[in-house]
C-alpha cells in the first residue's frame, strides 16, 4: 500500500509530538510574528515546530492524500533554544519518507520538498 503525503505528514507530526515537541499543523494567524506573540505563553520553554496557515496559506490534500496547495512546505521553529529536539524532528520527517532540507541554521526554515518522488527524482 502506498503511503500518501498526508499520511506521512500526519504520522511524522504525531511522532514528533510524542518526543516532546509542540508540533502544530496549519497554524492560523494574520502573520508569523503575530503567531509567535499569540502563542508565546503556551510555547514558552518548549521546542516548537509549525507551519504558517494564515493569509490563505493552509496546506490541503486531495482525496488521494496528495498535497494540492504547496510544492514546498516551510516549517518554523525555535531551534536556537532547542537544537537537539528540532534536529530529531527533522530526522523523524525523513524517516516518514519526506524530503527535508535544513542545514541546522536556526535562522532558516525547515523545508519539506514535495516535488521529490520517493526514488529521489523530481515528480
PDB file of N, CA and C in Angstrom:
ATOM      1  N   UNK A   1       0.839  -1.183   0.000  1.00  0.00           N
ATOM      2  CA  UNK A   1       0.000   0.000   0.000  1.00  0.00           C
ATOM      3  C   UNK A   1       0.884   1.247   0.000  1.00  0.00           C
ATOM      4  N   UNK A   2       0.544   2.183  -0.833  1.00  0.00           N
ATOM      5  CA  UNK A   2       1.298   3.424  -0.925  1.00  0.00           C
ATOM      6  C   UNK A   2       0.923   4.342   0.227  1.00  0.00           C
ATOM      7  N   UNK A   3       1.937   4.908   0.854  1.00  0.00           N
ATOM      8  CA  UNK A   3       1.702   5.877   1.925  1.00  0.00           C
ATOM      9  C   UNK A   3       1.644   7.260   1.282  1.00  0.00           C
ATOM     10  N   UNK A   4       0.600   7.992   1.535  1.00  0.00           N
ATOM     11  CA  UNK A   4       0.414   9.302   0.920  1.00  0.00           C
ATOM     12  C   UNK A   4       1.197  10.384   1.656  1.00  0.00           C
ATOM     13  N   UNK A   5       1.324  11.539   1.015  1.00  0.00           N
ATOM     14  CA  UNK A   5       1.969  12.687   1.665  1.00  0.00           C
ATOM     15  C   UNK A   5       1.228  13.054   2.945  1.00  0.00           C
ATOM     16  N   UNK A   6      -0.087  13.038   2.867  1.00  0.00           N
ATOM     17  CA  UNK A   6      -0.897  13.397   4.027  1.00  0.00           C
ATOM     18  C   UNK A   6      -0.646  12.429   5.184  1.00  0.00           C
ATOM     19  N   UNK A   7      -0.629  11.144   4.896  1.00  0.00           N
ATOM     20  CA  UNK A   7      -0.385  10.145   5.933  1.00  0.00           C
ATOM     21  C   UNK A   7       1.016  10.293   6.499  1.00  0.00           C
ATOM     22  N   UNK A   8       2.006  10.493   5.632  1.00  0.00           N
ATOM     23  CA  UNK A   8       3.386  10.665   6.096  1.00  0.00           C
ATOM     24  C   UNK A   8       3.504  11.857   7.029  1.00  0.00           C
ATOM     25  N   UNK A   9       2.916  12.973   6.644  1.00  0.00           N
ATOM     26  CA  UNK A   9       2.971  14.173   7.480  1.00  0.00           C
ATOM     27  C   UNK A   9       2.238  13.968   8.799  1.00  0.00           C
ATOM     28  N   UNK A  10       1.068  13.365   8.745  1.00  0.00           N
ATOM     29  CA  UNK A  10       0.287  13.137   9.962  1.00  0.00           C
ATOM     30  C   UNK A  10       1.063  12.233  10.931  1.00  0.00           C
ATOM     31  N   UNK A  11       1.615  11.148  10.419  1.00  0.00           N
ATOM     32  CA  UNK A  11       2.350  10.217  11.275  1.00  0.00           C
ATOM     33  C   UNK A  11       3.627  10.856  11.828  1.00  0.00           C
ATOM     34  N   UNK A  12       4.323  11.602  10.976  1.00  0.00           N
ATOM     35  CA  UNK A  12       5.556  12.254  11.427  1.00  0.00           C
ATOM     36  C   UNK A  12       5.260  13.261  12.533  1.00  0.00           C
ATOM     37  N   UNK A  13       4.244  14.096  12.352  1.00  0.00           N
ATOM     38  CA  UNK A  13       3.914  15.094  13.365  1.00  0.00           C
ATOM     39  C   UNK A  13       3.459  14.425  14.665  1.00  0.00           C
ATOM     40  N   UNK A  14       2.740  13.315  14.571  1.00  0.00           N
ATOM     41  CA  UNK A  14       2.327  12.599  15.777  1.00  0.00           C
ATOM     42  C   UNK A  14       3.556  12.084  16.535  1.00  0.00           C
ATOM     43  N   UNK A  15       4.515  11.527  15.812  1.00  0.00           N
ATOM     44  CA  UNK A  15       5.723  11.027  16.469  1.00  0.00           C
ATOM     45  C   UNK A  15       6.548  12.165  17.064  1.00  0.00           C
ATOM     46  N   UNK A  16       6.637  13.269  16.339  1.00  0.00           N
ATOM     47  CA  UNK A  16       7.379  14.436  16.838  1.00  0.00           C
ATOM     48  C   UNK A  16       6.751  14.933  18.144  1.00  0.00           C
ATOM     49  N   UNK A  17       5.422  14.976  18.189  1.00  0.00           N
ATOM     50  CA  UNK A  17       4.734  15.397  19.422  1.00  0.00           C
ATOM     51  C   UNK A  17       5.018  14.427  20.567  1.00  0.00           C
ATOM     52  N   UNK A  18       5.064  13.131  20.272  1.00  0.00           N
ATOM     53  CA  UNK A  18       5.354  12.134  21.317  1.00  0.00           C
ATOM     54  C   UNK A  18       6.740  12.346  21.912  1.00  0.00           C
ATOM     55  N   UNK A  19       7.646  12.944  21.130  1.00  0.00           N
ATOM     56  CA  UNK A  19       9.006  13.176  21.613  1.00  0.00           C
ATOM     57  C   UNK A  19       9.146  14.528  22.311  1.00  0.00           C
ATOM     58  N   UNK A  20       8.010  15.202  22.575  1.00  0.00           N
ATOM     59  CA  UNK A  20       8.028  16.404  23.394  1.00  0.00           C
ATOM     60  C   UNK A  20       8.078  17.732  22.669  1.00  0.00           C
ATOM     61  N   UNK A  21       7.982  17.697  21.349  1.00  0.00           N
ATOM     62  CA  UNK A  21       7.989  18.942  20.581  1.00  0.00           C
ATOM     63  C   UNK A  21       6.543  19.380  20.348  1.00  0.00           C
ATOM     64  N   UNK A  22       6.271  20.666  20.525  1.00  0.00           N
ATOM     65  CA  UNK A  22       4.962  21.204  20.183  1.00  0.00           C
ATOM     66  C   UNK A  22       4.948  21.324  18.663  1.00  0.00           C
ATOM     67  N   UNK A  23       4.284  20.392  18.004  1.00  0.00           N
ATOM     68  CA  UNK A  23       4.245  20.347  16.538  1.00  0.00           C
ATOM     69  C   UNK A  23       2.835  20.706  16.088  1.00  0.00           C
ATOM     70  N   UNK A  24       2.691  21.852  15.432  1.00  0.00           N
ATOM     71  CA  UNK A  24       1.381  22.382  15.080  1.00  0.00           C
ATOM     72  C   UNK A  24       1.267  22.458  13.559  1.00  0.00           C
ATOM     73  N   UNK A  25       0.219  21.850  13.044  1.00  0.00           N
ATOM     74  CA  UNK A  25      -0.028  21.841  11.612  1.00  0.00           C
ATOM     75  C   UNK A  25      -1.083  22.883  11.270  1.00  0.00           C
ATOM     76  N   UNK A  26      -0.847  23.679  10.220  1.00  0.00           N
ATOM     77  CA  UNK A  26      -1.789  24.696   9.748  1.00  0.00           C
ATOM     78  C   UNK A  26      -2.147  25.708  10.835  1.00  0.00           C
ATOM     79  N   UNK A  27      -1.131  26.279  11.457  1.00  0.00           N
ATOM     80  CA  UNK A  27      -1.325  27.298  12.493  1.00  0.00           C
ATOM     81  C   UNK A  27      -1.855  28.580  11.861  1.00  0.00           C
ATOM     82  N   UNK A  28      -3.026  29.007  12.287  1.00  0.00           N
ATOM     83  CA  UNK A  28      -3.640  30.221  11.753  1.00  0.00           C
ATOM     84  C   UNK A  28      -3.148  31.462  12.470  1.00  0.00           C
ATOM     85  N   UNK A  29      -3.151  32.566  11.749  1.00  0.00           N
ATOM     86  CA  UNK A  29      -2.791  33.856  12.293  1.00  0.00           C
ATOM     87  C   UNK A  29      -2.635  34.842  11.151  1.00  0.00           C
ATOM     88  N   UNK A  30      -2.613  36.110  11.469  1.00  0.00           N
ATOM     89  CA  UNK A  30      -2.500  37.103  10.397  1.00  0.00           C
ATOM     90  C   UNK A  30      -1.096  37.113   9.804  1.00  0.00           C
ATOM     91  N   UNK A  31      -0.095  36.779  10.627  1.00  0.00           N
ATOM     92  CA  UNK A  31       1.282  36.706  10.134  1.00  0.00           C
ATOM     93  C   UNK A  31       2.087  35.853  11.109  1.00  0.00           C
ATOM     94  N   UNK A  32       3.282  35.474  10.706  1.00  0.00           N
ATOM     95  CA  UNK A  32       4.107  34.619  11.565  1.00  0.00           C
ATOM     96  C   UNK A  32       4.487  35.320  12.872  1.00  0.00           C
ATOM     97  N   UNK A  33       4.758  36.611  12.810  1.00  0.00           N
ATOM     98  CA  UNK A  33       5.134  37.347  14.012  1.00  0.00           C
ATOM     99  C   UNK A  33       4.004  37.330  15.030  1.00  0.00           C
ATOM    100  N   UNK A  34       2.777  37.573  14.567  1.00  0.00           N
ATOM    101  CA  UNK A  34       1.630  37.562  15.477  1.00  0.00           C
ATOM    102  C   UNK A  34       1.432  36.188  16.099  1.00  0.00           C
ATOM    103  N   UNK A  35       1.673  35.137  15.320  1.00  0.00           N
ATOM    104  CA  UNK A  35       1.529  33.788  15.861  1.00  0.00           C
ATOM    105  C   UNK A  35       2.504  33.579  17.006  1.00  0.00           C
ATOM    106  N   UNK A  36       3.766  33.976  16.815  1.00  0.00           N
ATOM    107  CA  UNK A  36       4.748  33.825  17.897  1.00  0.00           C
ATOM    108  C   UNK A  36       4.291  34.563  19.151  1.00  0.00           C
ATOM    109  N   UNK A  37       3.818  35.806  18.983  1.00  0.00           N
ATOM    110  CA  UNK A  37       3.383  36.573  20.149  1.00  0.00           C
ATOM    111  C   UNK A  37       2.132  35.979  20.777  1.00  0.00           C
ATOM    112  N   UNK A  38       1.181  35.541  19.949  1.00  0.00           N
ATOM    113  CA  UNK A  38      -0.065  34.965  20.466  1.00  0.00           C
ATOM    114  C   UNK A  38       0.170  33.662  21.221  1.00  0.00           C
ATOM    115  N   UNK A  39       1.113  32.859  20.745  1.00  0.00           N
ATOM    116  CA  UNK A  39       1.347  31.539  21.320  1.00  0.00           C
ATOM    117  C   UNK A  39       2.512  31.510  22.306  1.00  0.00           C
ATOM    118  N   UNK A  40       3.139  32.663  22.518  1.00  0.00           N
ATOM    119  CA  UNK A  40       4.362  32.706  23.328  1.00  0.00           C
ATOM    120  C   UNK A  40       4.198  32.062  24.706  1.00  0.00           C
ATOM    121  N   UNK A  41       3.109  32.339  25.384  1.00  0.00           N
ATOM    122  CA  UNK A  41       2.909  31.785  26.730  1.00  0.00           C
ATOM    123  C   UNK A  41       2.753  30.264  26.681  1.00  0.00           C
ATOM    124  N   UNK A  42       1.992  29.777  25.715  1.00  0.00           N
ATOM    125  CA  UNK A  42       1.770  28.332  25.605  1.00  0.00           C
ATOM    126  C   UNK A  42       3.030  27.609  25.150  1.00  0.00           C
ATOM    127  N   UNK A  43       3.829  28.250  24.330  1.00  0.00           N
ATOM    128  CA  UNK A  43       5.020  27.616  23.762  1.00  0.00           C
ATOM    129  C   UNK A  43       6.276  27.876  24.576  1.00  0.00           C
ATOM    130  N   UNK A  44       6.199  28.769  25.551  1.00  0.00           N
ATOM    131  CA  UNK A  44       7.390  29.160  26.295  1.00  0.00           C
ATOM    132  C   UNK A  44       8.052  27.958  26.959  1.00  0.00           C
ATOM    133  N   UNK A  45       9.336  27.830  26.752  1.00  0.00           N
ATOM    134  CA  UNK A  45      10.096  26.768  27.381  1.00  0.00           C
ATOM    135  C   UNK A  45       9.968  25.413  26.711  1.00  0.00           C
ATOM    136  N   UNK A  46       9.383  25.375  25.515  1.00  0.00           N
ATOM    137  CA  UNK A  46       9.187  24.113  24.811  1.00  0.00           C
ATOM    138  C   UNK A  46       9.735  24.218  23.391  1.00  0.00           C
ATOM    139  N   UNK A  47      10.236  23.106  22.849  1.00  0.00           N
ATOM    140  CA  UNK A  47      10.612  23.119  21.437  1.00  0.00           C
ATOM    141  C   UNK A  47       9.346  23.175  20.579  1.00  0.00           C
ATOM    142  N   UNK A  48       9.375  23.982  19.516  1.00  0.00           N
ATOM    143  CA  UNK A  48       8.187  24.210  18.696  1.00  0.00           C
ATOM    144  C   UNK A  48       8.530  24.052  17.217  1.00  0.00           C
ATOM    145  N   UNK A  49       7.602  23.412  16.489  1.00  0.00           N
ATOM    146  CA  UNK A  49       7.703  23.247  15.042  1.00  0.00           C
ATOM    147  C   UNK A  49       6.317  23.471  14.467  1.00  0.00           C
ATOM    148  N   UNK A  50       6.178  24.381  13.506  1.00  0.00           N
ATOM    149  CA  UNK A  50       4.847  24.687  12.982  1.00  0.00           C
ATOM    150  C   UNK A  50       4.932  25.236  11.569  1.00  0.00           C
ATOM    151  N   UNK A  51       3.823  25.101  10.839  1.00  0.00           N
ATOM    152  CA  UNK A  51       3.731  25.733   9.525  1.00  0.00           C
ATOM    153  C   UNK A  51       2.657  26.818   9.563  1.00  0.00           C
ATOM    154  N   UNK A  52       2.884  27.859   8.808  1.00  0.00           N
ATOM    155  CA  UNK A  52       2.011  29.039   8.781  1.00  0.00           C
ATOM    156  C   UNK A  52       0.848  28.795   7.827  1.00  0.00           C
ATOM    157  N   UNK A  53      -0.370  28.919   8.331  1.00  0.00           N
ATOM    158  CA  UNK A  53      -1.559  28.689   7.509  1.00  0.00           C
ATOM    159  C   UNK A  53      -2.384  29.955   7.318  1.00  0.00           C
ATOM    160  N   UNK A  54      -1.912  31.079   7.821  1.00  0.00           N
ATOM    161  CA  UNK A  54      -2.661  32.320   7.687  1.00  0.00           C
ATOM    162  C   UNK A  54      -2.592  32.878   6.277  1.00  0.00           C
ATOM    163  N   UNK A  55      -3.397  33.850   6.017  1.00  0.00           N
ATOM    164  CA  UNK A  55      -3.430  34.549   4.732  1.00  0.00           C
ATOM    165  C   UNK A  55      -3.631  33.592   3.558  1.00  0.00           C
ATOM    166  N   UNK A  56      -4.494  32.587   3.741  1.00  0.00           N
ATOM    167  CA  UNK A  56      -4.806  31.647   2.669  1.00  0.00           C
ATOM    168  C   UNK A  56      -3.704  30.643   2.382  1.00  0.00           C
ATOM    169  N   UNK A  57      -2.811  30.447   3.321  1.00  0.00           N
ATOM    170  CA  UNK A  57      -1.646  29.592   3.109  1.00  0.00           C
ATOM    171  C   UNK A  57      -1.826  28.188   3.690  1.00  0.00           C
ATOM    172  N   UNK A  58      -3.052  27.778   3.939  1.00  0.00           N
ATOM    173  CA  UNK A  58      -3.338  26.475   4.554  1.00  0.00           C
ATOM    174  C   UNK A  58      -2.917  25.335   3.621  1.00  0.00           C
ATOM    175  N   UNK A  59      -2.321  24.295   4.174  1.00  0.00           N
ATOM    176  CA  UNK A  59      -1.943  23.113   3.410  1.00  0.00           C
ATOM    177  C   UNK A  59      -3.161  22.201   3.301  1.00  0.00           C
ATOM    178  N   UNK A  60      -3.505  21.834   2.071  1.00  0.00           N
ATOM    179  CA  UNK A  60      -4.678  20.988   1.831  1.00  0.00           C
ATOM    180  C   UNK A  60      -4.292  19.782   0.981  1.00  0.00           C
ATOM    181  N   UNK A  61      -5.095  18.726   1.094  1.00  0.00           N
ATOM    182  CA  UNK A  61      -4.834  17.481   0.386  1.00  0.00           C
ATOM    183  C   UNK A  61      -6.078  17.053  -0.384  1.00  0.00           C
ATOM    184  N   UNK A  62      -5.863  16.341  -1.501  1.00  0.00           N
ATOM    185  CA  UNK A  62      -6.995  15.784  -2.222  1.00  0.00           C
ATOM    186  C   UNK A  62      -7.386  14.447  -1.606  1.00  0.00           C
ATOM    187  N   UNK A  63      -8.386  13.788  -2.177  1.00  0.00           N
ATOM    188  CA  UNK A  63      -8.876  12.522  -1.603  1.00  0.00           C
ATOM    189  C   UNK A  63      -7.828  11.417  -1.649  1.00  0.00           C
ATOM    190  N   UNK A  64      -6.862  11.544  -2.544  1.00  0.00           N
ATOM    191  CA  UNK A  64      -5.801  10.544  -2.650  1.00  0.00           C
ATOM    192  C   UNK A  64      -4.653  10.817  -1.671  1.00  0.00           C
ATOM    193  N   UNK A  65      -4.749  11.905  -0.896  1.00  0.00           N
ATOM    194  CA  UNK A  65      -3.713  12.227   0.080  1.00  0.00           C
ATOM    195  C   UNK A  65      -2.541  13.007  -0.480  1.00  0.00           C
ATOM    196  N   UNK A  66      -2.692  13.558  -1.688  1.00  0.00           N
ATOM    197  CA  UNK A  66      -1.644  14.359  -2.337  1.00  0.00           C
ATOM    198  C   UNK A  66      -1.871  15.829  -1.992  1.00  0.00           C
ATOM    199  N   UNK A  67      -0.793  16.513  -1.626  1.00  0.00           N
ATOM    200  CA  UNK A  67      -0.908  17.935  -1.311  1.00  0.00           C
ATOM    201  C   UNK A  67      -1.277  18.701  -2.582  1.00  0.00           C
ATOM    202  N   UNK A  68      -2.308  19.509  -2.509  1.00  0.00           N
ATOM    203  CA  UNK A  68      -2.784  20.248  -3.677  1.00  0.00           C
ATOM    204  C   UNK A  68      -2.458  21.732  -3.629  1.00  0.00           C
ATOM    205  N   UNK A  69      -1.887  22.197  -2.538  1.00  0.00           N
ATOM    206  CA  UNK A  69      -1.684  23.635  -2.385  1.00  0.00           C
ATOM    207  C   UNK A  69      -0.227  24.067  -2.352  1.00  0.00           C
ATOM    208  N   UNK A  70       0.694  23.142  -2.131  1.00  0.00           N
ATOM    209  CA  UNK A  70       2.098  23.508  -1.968  1.00  0.00           C
ATOM    210  C   UNK A  70       3.014  22.472  -2.621  1.00  0.00           C
ATOM    211  N   UNK A  71       4.097  22.942  -3.206  1.00  0.00           N
ATOM    212  CA  UNK A  71       5.182  22.063  -3.626  1.00  0.00           C
ATOM    213  C   UNK A  71       6.227  21.974  -2.522  1.00  0.00           C
ATOM    214  N   UNK A  72       6.282  23.017  -1.735  1.00  0.00           N
ATOM    215  CA  UNK A  72       7.250  23.122  -0.642  1.00  0.00           C
ATOM    216  C   UNK A  72       6.503  23.634   0.596  1.00  0.00           C
ATOM    217  N   UNK A  73       6.770  23.013   1.731  1.00  0.00           N
ATOM    218  CA  UNK A  73       6.158  23.444   2.987  1.00  0.00           C
ATOM    219  C   UNK A  73       7.269  23.949   3.900  1.00  0.00           C
ATOM    220  N   UNK A  74       7.106  25.169   4.394  1.00  0.00           N
ATOM    221  CA  UNK A  74       8.096  25.766   5.290  1.00  0.00           C
ATOM    222  C   UNK A  74       7.648  25.577   6.726  1.00  0.00           C
ATOM    223  N   UNK A  75       8.552  25.046   7.540  1.00  0.00           N
ATOM    224  CA  UNK A  75       8.272  24.847   8.960  1.00  0.00           C
ATOM    225  C   UNK A  75       9.112  25.819   9.776  1.00  0.00           C
ATOM    226  N   UNK A  76       8.471  26.493  10.689  1.00  0.00           N
ATOM    227  CA  UNK A  76       9.130  27.462  11.552  1.00  0.00           C
ATOM    228  C   UNK A  76       9.399  26.799  12.898  1.00  0.00           C
ATOM    229  N   UNK A  77      10.380  27.295  13.625  1.00  0.00           N
ATOM    230  CA  UNK A  77      10.856  26.583  14.805  1.00  0.00           C
ATOM    231  C   UNK A  77      11.639  27.504  15.719  1.00  0.00           C
ATOM    232  N   UNK A  78      11.987  26.983  16.860  1.00  0.00           N
ATOM    233  CA  UNK A  78      12.848  27.703  17.804  1.00  0.00           C
ATOM    234  C   UNK A  78      14.090  26.862  18.090  1.00  0.00           C
ATOM    235  N   UNK A  79      14.772  26.447  17.038  1.00  0.00           N
ATOM    236  CA  UNK A  79      15.922  25.546  17.193  1.00  0.00           C
ATOM    237  C   UNK A  79      17.124  26.216  17.849  1.00  0.00           C
ATOM    238  N   UNK A  80      17.127  27.534  17.882  1.00  0.00           N
ATOM    239  CA  UNK A  80      18.232  28.209  18.563  1.00  0.00           C
ATOM    240  C   UNK A  80      18.256  27.818  20.042  1.00  0.00           C
ATOM    241  N   UNK A  81      17.074  27.641  20.613  1.00  0.00           N
ATOM    242  CA  UNK A  81      16.940  27.252  22.013  1.00  0.00           C
ATOM    243  C   UNK A  81      16.934  25.731  22.190  1.00  0.00           C
ATOM    244  N   UNK A  82      16.428  25.016  21.184  1.00  0.00           N
ATOM    245  CA  UNK A  82      16.267  23.560  21.279  1.00  0.00           C
ATOM    246  C   UNK A  82      16.866  22.851  20.056  1.00  0.00           C
ATOM    247  N   UNK A  83      18.172  22.957  19.840  1.00  0.00           N
ATOM    248  CA  UNK A  83      18.768  22.388  18.625  1.00  0.00           C
ATOM    249  C   UNK A  83      18.637  20.864  18.517  1.00  0.00           C
ATOM    250  N   UNK A  84      18.811  20.150  19.613  1.00  0.00           N
ATOM    251  CA  UNK A  84      18.745  18.680  19.556  1.00  0.00           C
ATOM    252  C   UNK A  84      17.337  18.193  19.233  1.00  0.00           C
ATOM    253  N   UNK A  85      16.351  18.797  19.875  1.00  0.00           N
ATOM    254  CA  UNK A  85      14.970  18.374  19.674  1.00  0.00           C
ATOM    255  C   UNK A  85      14.500  18.630  18.244  1.00  0.00           C
ATOM    256  N   UNK A  86      14.882  19.784  17.691  1.00  0.00           N
ATOM    257  CA  UNK A  86      14.447  20.104  16.336  1.00  0.00           C
ATOM    258  C   UNK A  86      15.239  19.317  15.292  1.00  0.00           C
ATOM    259  N   UNK A  87      16.496  19.020  15.570  1.00  0.00           N
ATOM    260  CA  UNK A  87      17.267  18.149  14.671  1.00  0.00           C
ATOM    261  C   UNK A  87      16.625  16.759  14.637  1.00  0.00           C
ATOM    262  N   UNK A  88      16.176  16.286  15.792  1.00  0.00           N
ATOM    263  CA  UNK A  88      15.492  14.993  15.840  1.00  0.00           C
ATOM    264  C   UNK A  88      14.172  15.047  15.074  1.00  0.00           C
ATOM    265  N   UNK A  89      13.446  16.159  15.159  1.00  0.00           N
ATOM    266  CA  UNK A  89      12.202  16.313  14.401  1.00  0.00           C
ATOM    267  C   UNK A  89      12.466  16.197  12.899  1.00  0.00           C
ATOM    268  N   UNK A  90      13.557  16.780  12.432  1.00  0.00           N
ATOM    269  CA  UNK A  90      13.928  16.688  11.017  1.00  0.00           C
ATOM    270  C   UNK A  90      14.209  15.225  10.652  1.00  0.00           C
ATOM    271  N   UNK A  91      14.899  14.517  11.521  1.00  0.00           N
ATOM    272  CA  UNK A  91      15.158  13.089  11.284  1.00  0.00           C
ATOM    273  C   UNK A  91      13.850  12.309  11.164  1.00  0.00           C
ATOM    274  N   UNK A  92      12.911  12.600  12.047  1.00  0.00           N
ATOM    275  CA  UNK A  92      11.618  11.903  12.037  1.00  0.00           C
ATOM    276  C   UNK A  92      10.885  12.165  10.727  1.00  0.00           C
ATOM    277  N   UNK A  93      10.876  13.400  10.265  1.00  0.00           N
ATOM    278  CA  UNK A  93      10.226  13.699   8.984  1.00  0.00           C
ATOM    279  C   UNK A  93      10.829  12.840   7.875  1.00  0.00           C
ATOM    280  N   UNK A  94      12.158  12.734   7.855  1.00  0.00           N
ATOM    281  CA  UNK A  94      12.834  11.913   6.858  1.00  0.00           C
ATOM    282  C   UNK A  94      12.509  10.439   7.009  1.00  0.00           C
ATOM    283  N   UNK A  95      12.412   9.967   8.239  1.00  0.00           N
ATOM    284  CA  UNK A  95      12.070   8.569   8.498  1.00  0.00           C
ATOM    285  C   UNK A  95      10.683   8.216   7.965  1.00  0.00           C
ATOM    286  N   UNK A  96       9.841   9.221   7.809  1.00  0.00           N
ATOM    287  CA  UNK A  96       8.494   9.004   7.280  1.00  0.00           C
ATOM    288  C   UNK A  96       8.424   9.248   5.773  1.00  0.00           C
ATOM    289  N   UNK A  97       9.579   9.236   5.128  1.00  0.00           N
ATOM    290  CA  UNK A  97       9.636   9.296   3.672  1.00  0.00           C
ATOM    291  C   UNK A  97       9.543  10.681   3.075  1.00  0.00           C
ATOM    292  N   UNK A  98       9.661  11.702   3.896  1.00  0.00           N
ATOM    293  CA  UNK A  98       9.571  13.076   3.400  1.00  0.00           C
ATOM    294  C   UNK A  98      10.967  13.606   3.091  1.00  0.00           C
ATOM    295  N   UNK A  99      11.070  14.382   2.025  1.00  0.00           N
ATOM    296  CA  UNK A  99      12.340  15.001   1.659  1.00  0.00           C
ATOM    297  C   UNK A  99      12.453  16.318   2.414  1.00  0.00           C
ATOM    298  N   UNK A 100      13.407  16.379   3.330  1.00  0.00           N
ATOM    299  CA  UNK A 100      13.556  17.533   4.209  1.00  0.00           C
ATOM    300  C   UNK A 100      14.893  18.206   3.931  1.00  0.00           C
ATOM    301  N   UNK A 101      14.853  19.532   3.846  1.00  0.00           N
ATOM    302  CA  UNK A 101      16.066  20.304   3.622  1.00  0.00           C
ATOM    303  C   UNK A 101      16.220  21.306   4.759  1.00  0.00           C
ATOM    304  N   UNK A 102      17.335  21.182   5.461  1.00  0.00           N
ATOM    305  CA  UNK A 102      17.652  22.136   6.532  1.00  0.00           C
ATOM    306  C   UNK A 102      19.093  21.909   6.938  1.00  0.00           C
ATOM    307  N   UNK A 103      19.847  22.968   7.034  1.00  0.00           N
ATOM    308  CA  UNK A 103      21.263  22.843   7.375  1.00  0.00           C
ATOM    309  C   UNK A 103      21.539  23.070   8.862  1.00  0.00           C
ATOM    310  N   UNK A 104      20.497  23.108   9.669  1.00  0.00           N
ATOM    311  CA  UNK A 104      20.666  23.314  11.101  1.00  0.00           C
ATOM    312  C   UNK A 104      20.730  24.774  11.514  1.00  0.00           C
ATOM    313  N   UNK A 105      20.664  25.681  10.553  1.00  0.00           N
ATOM    314  CA  UNK A 105      20.723  27.113  10.836  1.00  0.00           C
ATOM    315  C   UNK A 105      19.423  27.552  11.512  1.00  0.00           C
ATOM    316  N   UNK A 106      19.494  28.095  12.725  1.00  0.00           N
ATOM    317  CA  UNK A 106      18.278  28.497  13.427  1.00  0.00           C
ATOM    318  C   UNK A 106      17.533  29.652  12.761  1.00  0.00           C
ATOM    319  N   UNK A 107      18.195  30.354  11.851  1.00  0.00           N
ATOM    320  CA  UNK A 107      17.553  31.475  11.167  1.00  0.00           C
ATOM    321  C   UNK A 107      16.844  31.060   9.880  1.00  0.00           C
ATOM    322  N   UNK A 108      16.928  29.782   9.525  1.00  0.00           N
ATOM    323  CA  UNK A 108      16.307  29.308   8.285  1.00  0.00           C
ATOM    324  C   UNK A 108      15.169  28.347   8.598  1.00  0.00           C
ATOM    325  N   UNK A 109      14.155  28.373   7.741  1.00  0.00           N
ATOM    326  CA  UNK A 109      13.039  27.446   7.872  1.00  0.00           C
ATOM    327  C   UNK A 109      13.488  26.031   7.548  1.00  0.00           C
ATOM    328  N   UNK A 110      12.828  25.080   8.151  1.00  0.00           N
ATOM    329  CA  UNK A 110      12.961  23.683   7.760  1.00  0.00           C
ATOM    330  C   UNK A 110      12.017  23.500   6.574  1.00  0.00           C
ATOM    331  N   UNK A 111      12.496  22.905   5.497  1.00  0.00           N
ATOM    332  CA  UNK A 111      11.722  22.822   4.263  1.00  0.00           C
ATOM    333  C   UNK A 111      11.388  21.366   3.949  1.00  0.00           C
ATOM    334  N   UNK A 112      10.109  21.095   3.713  1.00  0.00           N
ATOM    335  CA  UNK A 112       9.681  19.793   3.204  1.00  0.00           C
ATOM    336  C   UNK A 112       9.421  19.992   1.717  1.00  0.00           C
ATOM    337  N   UNK A 113      10.174  19.284   0.887  1.00  0.00           N
ATOM    338  CA  UNK A 113      10.061  19.401  -0.570  1.00  0.00           C
ATOM    339  C   UNK A 113       9.183  18.275  -1.093  1.00  0.00           C
ATOM    340  N   UNK A 114       7.971  18.610  -1.524  1.00  0.00           N
ATOM    341  CA  UNK A 114       7.037  17.610  -2.026  1.00  0.00           C
ATOM    342  C   UNK A 114       7.192  17.364  -3.521  1.00  0.00           C
ATOM    343  N   UNK A 115       8.156  18.031  -4.161  1.00  0.00           N
ATOM    344  CA  UNK A 115       8.363  17.816  -5.596  1.00  0.00           C
ATOM    345  C   UNK A 115       9.286  16.643  -5.864  1.00  0.00           C
ATOM    346  N   UNK A 116       9.880  16.084  -4.817  1.00  0.00           N
ATOM    347  CA  UNK A 116      10.809  14.969  -4.984  1.00  0.00           C
ATOM    348  C   UNK A 116      10.063  13.668  -4.728  1.00  0.00           C
ATOM    349  N   UNK A 117      10.102  12.775  -5.719  1.00  0.00           N
ATOM    350  CA  UNK A 117       9.446  11.470  -5.591  1.00  0.00           C
ATOM    351  C   UNK A 117      10.247  10.585  -4.634  1.00  0.00           C
ATOM    352  N   UNK A 118       9.642   9.477  -4.212  1.00  0.00           N
ATOM    353  CA  UNK A 118      10.293   8.557  -3.274  1.00  0.00           C
ATOM    354  C   UNK A 118      11.648   8.062  -3.765  1.00  0.00           C
ATOM    355  N   UNK A 119      11.828   7.979  -5.096  1.00  0.00           N
ATOM    356  CA  UNK A 119      13.088   7.464  -5.622  1.00  0.00           C
ATOM    357  C   UNK A 119      14.126   8.572  -5.799  1.00  0.00           C
ATOM    358  N   UNK A 120      13.829   9.790  -5.327  1.00  0.00           N
ATOM    359  CA  UNK A 120      14.786  10.890  -5.382  1.00  0.00           C
ATOM    360  C   UNK A 120      14.663  11.768  -6.619  1.00  0.00           C
ATOM    361  N   UNK A 121      13.835  11.362  -7.575  1.00  0.00           N
ATOM    362  CA  UNK A 121      13.637  12.178  -8.774  1.00  0.00           C
ATOM    363  C   UNK A 121      12.521  13.183  -8.522  1.00  0.00           C
ATOM    364  N   UNK A 122      12.621  14.301  -9.214  1.00  0.00           N
ATOM    365  CA  UNK A 122      11.539  15.288  -9.088  1.00  0.00           C
ATOM    366  C   UNK A 122      10.296  14.783  -9.782  1.00  0.00           C
ATOM    367  N   UNK A 123       9.183  14.898  -9.095  1.00  0.00           N
ATOM    368  CA  UNK A 123       7.898  14.396  -9.620  1.00  0.00           C
ATOM    369  C   UNK A 123       7.380  15.305 -10.721  1.00  0.00           C
TER     370      UNK A 123
END
